[in-house]
Amino acid sequence: MKTILITGGAGFIGSHLAAELLACGHHVRVLDNLDRQVHTDGARPSYLDPSVELIDGDLRDPDAVRAAVSGATDVYHLASAVGVGQSMYEIERYTSVNEVGTAVLLEALIDSDVERLLVASSMSIYGEGLAKGRHGIVDPPERRLSQLKAGQWELQGPDGEILEPLPTTEDKRPALSSIYALNKFAQERMSLIFGRAYERKVTALRFFNVYGPNQALSNPYTGVLAIFGARLLNGKPPMVFEDGLQRRDFVHVRDVARACRLAQEADAASGGVFNIGSGEGRTIVEIARKLAVAAGREDLVPHCTGKYRAGDIRHCFADISLARRVIGFEPGVAFEDGLVELAEWLSTQVAVDRVDDATAELARRGLVA
């Protein structure tokens, strides 16, 4: 039996990963600061398996991190301040938690017996996903501010040609359009550099849009399906930026937890970076409508605001062929089944809808127009 550490393990993905590892017979230890933006009462969440050892501590505290690392052979580094919008004005906090926190962890690992490290990266580092124009595959530039102000949402080539979105592969050049994206890229690169220098097995997984039970419904900067769920629970229509036709890749949290385990167990994955998604692109307005129907609130029609947020991208969905080939990952939860499960879980929850407040704060700072 291994002792395995999950940083941020009391959170959404971490709790499901803990269950996955417990089922394999491991002892699971979690380091988590129980941030009140995620855990509103600051207490151990009821959904975290009672057999999980929880250390309440900050990733930036060297003493807490050394205690958490002690005796562990494997580390899953999930702890992160999450959210594109908030990262654009809480720049110091995001950089401190995500980058300094990762540095503290890596220093603690230098003199430890940890053999394997998996770091949670993000699709946000891609910026816009790959696209196709009349002359072939292109790496789209960021949309121009003048284009967005005119409500011209789609990706365009240099001559104004509308580009067709394509599945994005791991070799796409990063385009860091938010502080959060920059943070995640730094976490990824720092960890891989550490692995090479100290001959540890390190793997990075770029998660796409993860959804499922245990999401922080009262956090307005969490996953989009959780945000929509909180709106529906409060009798409000899902609020969608732009025209709602932007495309994303939604992957169930249990599939993500399994992908983490598979990647950590696969020697061939060491030193690599892998997309973890469903491999399917869906429009935001489509998933808002489907969640409303699954929740029995089809009367709450999604509201497309026609506004845009700084740092947002138009289309990005995953090519998962590399993960299939190297770690044997295959999504197992069909999107429609996952939505039904999510709606059933939502029916048992109470959520404070803070979306309007968060949007107003972004607007006050000039980050929504």
Protein backbone atom coordinates (compact mmCIF):
# COMPACT_ATOMS: atom_id res chain seq x y z
CA MET A 1 0.00 0.00 0.00
CA LYS A 2 1.35 3.41 -1.00
CA THR A 3 0.88 6.69 0.82
CA ILE A 4 -0.24 9.17 -1.81
CA LEU A 5 -0.52 12.93 -1.36
CA ILE A 6 -3.09 15.05 -3.21
CA THR A 7 -2.61 18.80 -2.90
CA GLY A 8 -5.99 20.52 -3.12
CA GLY A 9 -7.48 17.10 -2.48
CA ALA A 10 -10.54 18.34 -0.58
CA GLY A 11 -11.77 20.08 -3.71
CA PHE A 12 -13.91 18.96 -6.61
CA ILE A 13 -11.45 16.91 -8.67
CA GLY A 14 -9.32 15.98 -5.67
CA SER A 15 -12.18 14.31 -3.80
CA HIS A 16 -12.97 12.09 -6.78
CA LEU A 17 -9.29 11.27 -7.26
CA ALA A 18 -9.09 10.33 -3.57
CA ALA A 19 -11.98 7.89 -4.05
CA GLU A 20 -10.25 6.44 -7.14
CA LEU A 21 -7.01 5.86 -5.22
CA LEU A 22 -8.72 4.47 -2.12
CA ALA A 23 -10.46 1.91 -4.33
CA CYS A 24 -6.99 0.78 -5.44
CA GLY A 25 -5.99 0.13 -1.82
CA HIS A 26 -3.78 3.16 -1.20
CA HIS A 27 -3.57 5.43 1.83
CA VAL A 28 -4.59 8.90 0.72
CA ARG A 29 -3.36 12.09 2.36
CA VAL A 30 -4.70 15.51 1.39
CA LEU A 31 -3.19 18.96 1.86
CA ASP A 32 -5.86 21.65 1.51
CA ASN A 33 -6.40 25.10 3.00
CA LEU A 34 -10.21 24.75 2.81
CA ASP A 35 -10.50 28.14 1.11
CA ARG A 36 -13.88 29.67 1.92
CA GLN A 37 -14.48 30.64 -1.70
CA VAL A 38 -14.69 26.88 -2.37
CA HIS A 39 -15.63 25.52 1.08
CA THR A 40 -18.05 28.16 2.32
CA ASP A 41 -17.90 27.05 5.98
CA GLY A 42 -14.15 26.37 5.97
CA ALA A 43 -14.78 22.83 7.23
CA ARG A 44 -13.90 19.38 5.95
CA PRO A 45 -16.42 18.64 3.17
CA SER A 46 -18.90 15.84 3.76
CA TYR A 47 -18.18 14.36 0.33
CA LEU A 48 -14.52 13.65 1.21
CA ASP A 49 -14.14 9.99 2.19
CA PRO A 50 -13.70 9.74 5.99
CA SER A 51 -10.64 7.50 5.59
CA VAL A 52 -8.72 10.28 3.84
CA GLU A 53 -6.06 11.90 6.02
CA LEU A 54 -6.58 15.67 5.82
CA ILE A 55 -3.89 18.23 6.62
CA ASP A 56 -5.40 21.71 6.81
CA GLY A 57 -2.58 23.87 5.52
CA ASP A 58 -1.44 26.33 2.90
CA LEU A 59 0.63 25.20 -0.08
CA ARG A 60 2.90 28.21 0.49
CA ASP A 61 3.76 27.08 4.05
CA PRO A 62 7.02 25.06 3.85
CA ASP A 63 6.39 23.33 7.20
CA ALA A 64 2.89 22.19 6.21
CA VAL A 65 4.14 21.00 2.82
CA ARG A 66 7.07 19.05 4.29
CA ALA A 67 4.71 17.35 6.75
CA ALA A 68 2.34 16.44 3.92
CA VAL A 69 5.12 15.08 1.72
CA SER A 70 6.74 13.00 4.47
CA GLY A 71 6.36 9.29 3.78
CA ALA A 72 4.60 9.76 0.44
CA THR A 73 5.79 8.02 -2.72
CA ASP A 74 3.45 9.75 -5.17
CA VAL A 75 2.09 13.30 -5.34
CA TYR A 76 -0.84 14.61 -7.36
CA HIS A 77 -0.55 18.40 -7.44
CA LEU A 78 -4.06 19.78 -7.94
CA ALA A 79 -3.98 22.77 -5.57
CA SER A 80 -4.61 25.99 -7.45
CA ALA A 81 -6.47 29.28 -7.39
CA VAL A 82 -8.89 28.71 -10.26
CA GLY A 83 -10.71 31.05 -12.64
CA VAL A 84 -9.78 33.19 -15.61
CA GLY A 85 -11.88 36.24 -14.70
CA GLN A 86 -10.77 36.60 -11.09
CA SER A 87 -7.14 36.04 -12.04
CA MET A 88 -7.24 39.24 -14.07
CA TYR A 89 -7.57 41.43 -10.97
CA GLU A 90 -6.33 39.24 -8.07
CA ILE A 91 -3.00 38.96 -9.84
CA GLU A 92 -0.79 38.74 -6.75
CA ARG A 93 -2.90 36.08 -5.04
CA TYR A 94 -3.17 33.89 -8.12
CA THR A 95 0.56 34.14 -8.81
CA SER A 96 1.41 33.48 -5.16
CA VAL A 97 -0.85 30.44 -4.74
CA ASN A 98 -0.21 28.89 -8.13
CA GLU A 99 3.44 29.65 -8.82
CA VAL A 100 5.02 30.27 -5.41
CA GLY A 101 2.98 27.40 -3.95
CA THR A 102 4.28 25.06 -6.65
CA ALA A 103 7.84 26.24 -5.97
CA VAL A 104 7.44 25.46 -2.25
CA LEU A 105 6.15 21.98 -3.10
CA LEU A 106 9.00 21.26 -5.51
CA GLU A 107 11.61 22.33 -2.96
CA ALA A 108 10.04 19.98 -0.41
CA LEU A 109 10.22 17.14 -2.94
CA ILE A 110 13.96 17.54 -3.50
CA ASP A 111 14.89 15.77 -0.26
CA SER A 112 11.86 13.48 -0.19
CA ASP A 113 11.29 9.88 -1.26
CA VAL A 114 8.59 10.91 -3.74
CA GLU A 115 9.11 9.02 -6.99
CA ARG A 116 6.25 10.38 -9.11
CA LEU A 117 4.59 13.75 -9.46
CA LEU A 118 1.51 14.55 -11.53
CA VAL A 119 0.66 18.21 -12.05
CA ALA A 120 -2.78 19.47 -13.08
CA SER A 121 -2.39 21.88 -15.99
CA SER A 122 -5.18 23.43 -18.07
CA MET A 123 -6.51 23.88 -21.56
CA SER A 124 -6.37 27.61 -20.85
CA ILE A 125 -2.70 27.68 -21.83
CA TYR A 126 -3.66 27.14 -25.47
CA GLY A 127 -5.61 30.36 -25.75
CA GLU A 128 -7.57 29.86 -28.93
CA GLY A 129 -7.69 26.26 -30.12
CA LEU A 130 -6.45 25.17 -33.52
CA ALA A 131 -8.52 26.16 -36.55
CA LYS A 132 -8.69 25.63 -40.31
CA GLY A 133 -8.81 28.20 -43.07
CA ARG A 134 -8.76 27.95 -46.83
CA HIS A 135 -4.99 27.43 -46.75
CA GLY A 136 -4.94 24.72 -44.09
CA ILE A 137 -4.52 24.45 -40.31
CA VAL A 138 -3.70 27.70 -38.50
CA ASP A 139 -2.80 28.83 -35.00
CA PRO A 140 -5.37 31.62 -34.58
CA PRO A 141 -4.32 35.00 -33.18
CA GLU A 142 -6.20 36.55 -30.29
CA ARG A 143 -9.36 38.32 -31.35
CA ARG A 144 -8.89 42.06 -31.72
CA LEU A 145 -10.58 44.40 -29.24
CA SER A 146 -12.22 46.28 -32.12
CA GLN A 147 -13.64 42.99 -33.41
CA LEU A 148 -15.10 42.11 -30.00
CA LYS A 149 -16.60 45.56 -29.50
CA ALA A 150 -18.35 45.14 -32.85
CA GLY A 151 -19.81 41.78 -31.75
CA GLN A 152 -17.79 39.89 -34.38
CA TRP A 153 -17.17 36.84 -32.24
CA GLU A 154 -15.77 34.26 -34.63
CA LEU A 155 -12.07 33.68 -35.27
CA GLN A 156 -10.83 35.41 -38.39
CA GLY A 157 -7.85 35.04 -40.67
CA PRO A 158 -5.76 38.05 -41.78
CA ASP A 159 -8.14 38.75 -44.67
CA GLY A 160 -11.28 38.44 -42.55
CA GLU A 161 -11.92 34.78 -43.44
CA ILE A 162 -13.97 32.95 -40.77
CA LEU A 163 -11.91 30.06 -39.41
CA GLU A 164 -13.31 26.60 -38.59
CA PRO A 165 -12.37 25.30 -35.10
CA LEU A 166 -10.49 22.00 -34.90
CA PRO A 167 -9.53 19.63 -32.05
CA THR A 168 -6.40 20.99 -30.38
CA THR A 169 -3.28 18.85 -29.98
CA GLU A 170 -0.60 19.13 -27.31
CA ASP A 171 1.96 20.52 -29.73
CA LYS A 172 -0.01 23.73 -30.26
CA ARG A 173 2.01 26.77 -29.26
CA PRO A 174 0.83 28.24 -25.93
CA ALA A 175 -1.05 31.55 -26.15
CA LEU A 176 -1.39 32.83 -22.61
CA SER A 177 -4.36 35.19 -22.64
CA SER A 178 -5.01 35.41 -18.86
CA ILE A 179 -3.03 35.46 -15.61
CA TYR A 180 -4.54 32.06 -14.78
CA ALA A 181 -3.27 30.62 -18.08
CA LEU A 182 0.18 32.01 -17.36
CA ASN A 183 0.08 30.48 -13.87
CA LYS A 184 -0.89 27.04 -15.16
CA PHE A 185 1.83 27.09 -17.80
CA ALA A 186 4.36 28.05 -15.12
CA GLN A 187 3.18 25.20 -12.86
CA GLU A 188 3.50 22.77 -15.74
CA ARG A 189 6.96 23.87 -16.85
CA MET A 190 8.36 24.17 -13.31
CA SER A 191 7.28 20.62 -12.53
CA LEU A 192 8.68 19.14 -15.73
CA ILE A 193 11.98 20.99 -15.26
CA PHE A 194 12.16 19.63 -11.71
CA GLY A 195 11.53 16.09 -12.97
CA ARG A 196 14.39 16.25 -15.46
CA ALA A 197 16.82 17.81 -12.98
CA TYR A 198 16.12 15.36 -10.16
CA GLU A 199 15.30 12.27 -12.23
CA ARG A 200 11.73 11.97 -10.96
CA LYS A 201 8.80 10.75 -13.02
CA VAL A 202 6.71 13.88 -13.69
CA THR A 203 3.64 14.13 -15.91
CA ALA A 204 1.38 17.08 -16.73
CA LEU A 205 -2.28 16.74 -17.65
CA ARG A 206 -4.09 19.58 -19.37
CA PHE A 207 -7.67 19.36 -18.12
CA PHE A 208 -10.48 20.72 -20.27
CA ASN A 209 -13.87 21.69 -18.75
CA VAL A 210 -14.45 19.28 -15.88
CA TYR A 211 -17.98 18.78 -14.53
CA GLY A 212 -19.84 16.51 -12.12
CA PRO A 213 -20.93 16.22 -8.46
CA ASN A 214 -19.04 18.04 -5.67
CA GLN A 215 -18.44 21.24 -7.64
CA ALA A 216 -18.34 24.46 -5.63
CA LEU A 217 -21.71 25.88 -6.64
CA SER A 218 -21.35 29.16 -4.74
CA ASN A 219 -18.01 30.02 -6.34
CA PRO A 220 -18.77 32.26 -9.36
CA TYR A 221 -15.34 31.54 -10.87
CA THR A 222 -15.62 27.76 -10.93
CA GLY A 223 -16.60 25.51 -13.85
CA VAL A 224 -19.28 26.82 -16.17
CA LEU A 225 -21.73 23.95 -15.54
CA ALA A 226 -21.54 24.58 -11.79
CA ILE A 227 -22.21 28.28 -12.41
CA PHE A 228 -25.23 27.41 -14.57
CA GLY A 229 -26.38 24.97 -11.91
CA ALA A 230 -26.28 27.64 -9.21
CA ARG A 231 -28.36 29.95 -11.42
CA LEU A 232 -30.95 27.26 -12.07
CA LEU A 233 -31.18 26.37 -8.36
CA ASN A 234 -32.00 30.01 -7.67
CA GLY A 235 -34.64 30.24 -10.40
CA LYS A 236 -32.49 32.31 -12.74
CA PRO A 237 -31.60 31.60 -16.37
CA PRO A 238 -28.00 30.64 -17.16
CA MET A 239 -26.04 33.73 -18.24
CA VAL A 240 -23.87 33.20 -21.33
CA PHE A 241 -21.30 35.65 -22.68
CA GLU A 242 -21.00 36.61 -26.36
CA ASP A 243 -23.55 34.75 -28.51
CA GLY A 244 -23.23 31.40 -26.74
CA LEU A 245 -21.80 29.63 -29.79
CA GLN A 246 -18.27 29.39 -28.40
CA ARG A 247 -17.22 25.74 -28.15
CA ARG A 248 -15.68 23.88 -25.23
CA ASP A 249 -14.88 20.30 -24.27
CA PHE A 250 -16.73 18.92 -21.23
CA VAL A 251 -15.28 15.88 -19.47
CA HIS A 252 -16.74 14.12 -16.44
CA VAL A 253 -14.81 14.34 -13.18
CA ARG A 254 -14.65 10.56 -12.72
CA ASP A 255 -13.00 10.25 -16.13
CA VAL A 256 -10.50 12.90 -15.05
CA ALA A 257 -9.75 11.07 -11.80
CA ARG A 258 -9.15 7.85 -13.69
CA ALA A 259 -6.93 9.65 -16.20
CA CYS A 260 -4.81 10.96 -13.32
CA ARG A 261 -4.29 7.45 -11.96
CA LEU A 262 -3.54 5.99 -15.38
CA ALA A 263 -0.98 8.69 -16.14
CA GLN A 264 0.75 8.26 -12.80
CA GLU A 265 1.00 4.51 -13.31
CA ALA A 266 2.33 4.70 -16.89
CA ASP A 267 6.12 4.94 -17.08
CA ALA A 268 5.79 5.99 -20.73
CA ALA A 269 3.95 9.13 -19.62
CA SER A 270 6.90 10.46 -17.62
CA GLY A 271 8.07 13.83 -18.93
CA GLY A 272 4.98 14.17 -21.12
CA VAL A 273 2.02 16.51 -21.39
CA PHE A 274 -1.44 15.16 -22.21
CA ASN A 275 -4.88 16.57 -22.99
CA ILE A 276 -7.67 15.17 -20.83
CA GLY A 277 -11.09 15.90 -22.27
CA SER A 278 -13.95 14.19 -24.05
CA GLY A 279 -12.63 14.92 -27.53
CA GLU A 280 -15.93 16.61 -28.43
CA GLY A 281 -16.67 20.32 -28.83
CA ARG A 282 -20.04 21.63 -27.61
CA THR A 283 -21.45 25.14 -27.65
CA ILE A 284 -21.96 26.86 -24.31
CA VAL A 285 -25.58 27.73 -25.06
CA GLU A 286 -26.26 24.08 -25.99
CA ILE A 287 -24.99 22.76 -22.68
CA ALA A 288 -26.88 25.49 -20.77
CA ARG A 289 -30.13 24.41 -22.44
CA LYS A 290 -29.46 20.72 -21.84
CA LEU A 291 -28.68 21.25 -18.16
CA ALA A 292 -31.89 23.28 -17.73
CA VAL A 293 -33.89 20.45 -19.30
CA ALA A 294 -32.14 17.79 -17.19
CA ALA A 295 -32.87 19.87 -14.07
CA GLY A 296 -36.55 20.23 -15.02
CA ARG A 297 -36.18 23.98 -15.60
CA GLU A 298 -36.53 24.20 -19.37
CA ASP A 299 -38.52 27.39 -18.72
CA LEU A 300 -35.24 29.11 -17.78
CA VAL A 301 -33.91 29.89 -21.25
CA PRO A 302 -30.19 30.82 -21.35
CA HIS A 303 -29.58 34.56 -21.61
CA CYS A 304 -26.84 35.48 -24.09
CA THR A 305 -25.47 38.83 -22.94
CA GLY A 306 -23.69 39.90 -26.11
CA LYS A 307 -20.80 40.98 -23.84
CA TYR A 308 -17.27 39.65 -23.62
CA ARG A 309 -14.75 39.18 -20.80
CA ALA A 310 -11.05 39.97 -20.90
CA GLY A 311 -9.07 36.74 -21.20
CA ASP A 312 -11.89 34.69 -22.75
CA ILE A 313 -11.27 32.67 -25.89
CA ARG A 314 -13.70 31.58 -28.61
CA HIS A 315 -13.16 27.86 -29.22
CA CYS A 316 -11.02 25.17 -27.64
CA PHE A 317 -11.67 21.43 -27.49
CA ALA A 318 -9.31 18.50 -27.15
CA ASP A 319 -7.62 16.03 -29.39
CA ILE A 320 -7.12 13.15 -26.92
CA SER A 321 -5.38 10.69 -29.24
CA LEU A 322 -2.05 11.01 -27.39
CA ALA A 323 -3.64 10.17 -24.03
CA ARG A 324 -5.42 7.24 -25.62
CA ARG A 325 -2.18 5.90 -27.05
CA VAL A 326 0.21 6.45 -24.14
CA ILE A 327 -1.84 6.07 -20.96
CA GLY A 328 -4.85 4.14 -22.24
CA PHE A 329 -7.34 6.89 -21.43
CA GLU A 330 -10.82 6.63 -22.87
CA PRO A 331 -13.76 8.77 -21.63
CA GLY A 332 -16.34 6.50 -20.02
CA VAL A 333 -19.20 8.83 -19.05
CA ALA A 334 -21.45 9.95 -21.91
CA PHE A 335 -22.25 13.66 -21.70
CA GLU A 336 -26.01 13.14 -21.54
CA ASP A 337 -25.62 10.61 -18.70
CA GLY A 338 -23.28 12.96 -16.87
CA LEU A 339 -25.79 15.81 -17.16
CA VAL A 340 -28.57 13.66 -15.69
CA GLU A 341 -26.29 12.72 -12.77
CA LEU A 342 -25.31 16.36 -12.28
CA ALA A 343 -28.95 17.48 -12.31
CA GLU A 344 -29.85 14.82 -9.72
CA TRP A 345 -27.01 16.00 -7.49
CA LEU A 346 -28.04 19.64 -7.96
CA SER A 347 -31.52 18.80 -6.71
CA THR A 348 -30.00 17.98 -3.29
CA GLN A 349 -27.92 21.17 -3.02
CA VAL A 350 -28.34 24.75 -1.88
CA ALA A 351 -26.27 27.38 -3.69
CA VAL A 352 -25.71 31.09 -3.29
CA ASP A 353 -25.77 32.60 -6.78
CA ARG A 354 -22.92 35.14 -6.89
CA VAL A 355 -22.68 35.38 -10.68
CA ASP A 356 -24.25 38.85 -10.90
CA ASP A 357 -21.90 40.19 -8.22
CA ALA A 358 -18.86 38.65 -9.93
CA THR A 359 -19.89 40.07 -13.31
CA ALA A 360 -20.44 43.49 -11.78
CA GLU A 361 -16.97 43.38 -10.25
CA LEU A 362 -15.41 42.50 -13.60
CA ALA A 363 -17.37 45.30 -15.26
CA ARG A 364 -16.28 47.79 -12.60
CA ARG A 365 -12.68 46.96 -13.41
CA GLY A 366 -13.25 47.27 -17.16
CA LEU A 367 -12.90 43.52 -17.76
CA VAL A 368 -16.40 43.03 -19.19
CA ALA A 369 -17.75 45.06 -22.11
